[in-house]
Amino acid sequence: MKSIYRGTTPLLKFDYPYKYEEIVNMSISFAQDGNTLLTLSMGDDEIHNIADYEVSVELTQEQTNLFKHNFPMETQIKLKNTDGQVWVSDIEHYQIHRILDEDVM
């Protein structure tokens, strides 16, 4: 299981099976304890790089502070391609760790 620390700015990378020009829409959801806490969409500032078959997402300190420590967090990509097909990734799991200083820098 991968790890994320609250109050940090992790860079997450996700793979998908299409070329960039074939993607019409994309969302990335982050959930904990059965509740979606954050959903990012294509065009949001946190999505830094969408390339063929890969997207990079950098979460902010405020966003990682939304997650409860010692609870697993799940994330999943959903996208629609130019043929109208909708695809979802496997759910990825992260362990959320606490930090001592949660002030945003």
Protein backbone atom coordinates (compact mmCIF):
# COMPACT_ATOMS: atom_id res chain seq x y z
CA MET A 1 0.00 0.00 0.00
CA LYS A 2 1.29 3.46 -0.89
CA SER A 3 1.53 6.25 1.70
CA ILE A 4 0.59 9.92 1.88
CA TYR A 5 1.33 12.28 4.75
CA ARG A 6 -1.28 14.88 5.71
CA GLY A 7 -0.21 18.48 5.07
CA THR A 8 2.17 17.61 2.23
CA THR A 9 2.07 18.05 -1.54
CA PRO A 10 2.45 14.56 -3.00
CA LEU A 11 2.81 13.99 -6.73
CA LEU A 12 0.67 11.04 -7.80
CA LYS A 13 0.88 9.33 -11.18
CA PHE A 14 -1.86 7.28 -12.77
CA ASP A 15 -1.89 5.22 -15.95
CA TYR A 16 -4.76 4.89 -18.41
CA PRO A 17 -5.07 3.02 -21.75
CA TYR A 18 -5.59 5.91 -24.21
CA LYS A 19 -3.64 8.56 -26.07
CA TYR A 20 -4.17 12.08 -24.73
CA GLU A 21 -5.98 13.31 -27.86
CA GLU A 22 -8.56 10.53 -27.40
CA ILE A 23 -9.71 11.84 -23.98
CA VAL A 24 -12.78 14.07 -23.82
CA ASN A 25 -13.23 14.19 -20.04
CA MET A 26 -11.43 12.86 -16.97
CA SER A 27 -12.04 12.93 -13.24
CA ILE A 28 -10.00 11.60 -10.34
CA SER A 29 -11.85 10.85 -7.11
CA PHE A 30 -10.39 10.50 -3.61
CA ALA A 31 -12.49 8.74 -0.98
CA GLN A 32 -12.16 7.69 2.61
CA ASP A 33 -14.50 5.63 4.78
CA GLY A 34 -17.05 5.39 1.94
CA ASN A 35 -17.21 9.16 1.33
CA THR A 36 -15.74 11.03 -1.63
CA LEU A 37 -13.68 13.87 -0.13
CA LEU A 38 -12.19 15.32 -3.30
CA THR A 39 -12.79 15.08 -7.04
CA LEU A 40 -10.44 16.69 -9.55
CA SER A 41 -11.33 17.18 -13.20
CA MET A 42 -9.39 17.66 -16.41
CA GLY A 43 -8.35 21.33 -16.48
CA ASP A 44 -7.96 21.71 -12.69
CA ASP A 45 -4.67 23.26 -11.51
CA GLU A 46 -3.67 20.12 -9.58
CA ILE A 47 -3.54 18.08 -12.78
CA HIS A 48 -0.12 19.08 -14.06
CA ASN A 49 0.56 16.71 -16.87
CA ILE A 50 -1.74 14.68 -19.02
CA ALA A 51 0.26 12.70 -21.55
CA ASP A 52 -0.40 9.60 -23.58
CA TYR A 53 -1.27 6.87 -21.11
CA GLU A 54 -0.35 8.84 -17.93
CA VAL A 55 -1.61 11.70 -15.77
CA SER A 56 0.27 13.44 -12.92
CA VAL A 57 -1.60 15.07 -10.05
CA GLU A 58 -0.07 17.20 -7.28
CA LEU A 59 -2.31 17.56 -4.26
CA THR A 60 -2.11 20.69 -2.11
CA GLN A 61 -1.48 20.79 1.64
CA GLU A 62 -5.10 21.79 2.18
CA GLN A 63 -6.29 18.80 0.16
CA THR A 64 -4.15 16.25 2.01
CA ASN A 65 -5.34 17.75 5.31
CA LEU A 66 -8.87 16.67 4.28
CA PHE A 67 -7.87 13.03 4.77
CA LYS A 68 -8.08 11.41 8.21
CA HIS A 69 -4.85 9.82 9.39
CA ASN A 70 -4.72 6.10 10.10
CA PHE A 71 -7.56 5.51 7.63
CA PRO A 72 -6.98 4.12 4.14
CA MET A 73 -7.74 6.45 1.25
CA GLU A 74 -8.90 5.21 -2.15
CA THR A 75 -8.54 6.88 -5.51
CA GLN A 76 -9.85 6.09 -8.98
CA ILE A 77 -9.75 7.67 -12.45
CA LYS A 78 -12.81 7.84 -14.65
CA LEU A 79 -12.57 9.05 -18.22
CA LYS A 80 -14.53 9.30 -21.45
CA ASN A 81 -12.85 8.96 -24.82
CA THR A 82 -13.73 10.38 -28.24
CA ASP A 83 -15.64 7.17 -29.11
CA GLY A 84 -17.96 7.79 -26.14
CA GLN A 85 -16.54 4.89 -24.14
CA VAL A 86 -16.27 5.39 -20.39
CA TRP A 87 -13.37 3.69 -18.61
CA VAL A 88 -12.47 3.47 -14.91
CA SER A 89 -9.18 2.41 -13.37
CA ASP A 90 -8.68 -0.08 -10.61
CA ILE A 91 -9.06 1.52 -7.19
CA GLU A 92 -5.68 2.44 -5.71
CA HIS A 93 -5.17 2.38 -1.95
CA TYR A 94 -3.08 4.76 0.15
CA GLN A 95 -2.38 4.81 3.87
CA ILE A 96 -2.70 8.31 5.33
CA HIS A 97 -0.14 9.25 7.99
CA ARG A 98 -0.30 12.08 10.49
CA ILE A 99 2.24 14.85 10.88
CA LEU A 100 3.06 16.96 13.94
CA ASP A 101 2.81 20.40 12.31
CA GLU A 102 -0.38 20.69 10.23
CA ASP A 103 0.01 24.42 9.53
CA VAL A 104 -0.06 25.23 5.84
CA MET A 105 3.26 26.67 4.65
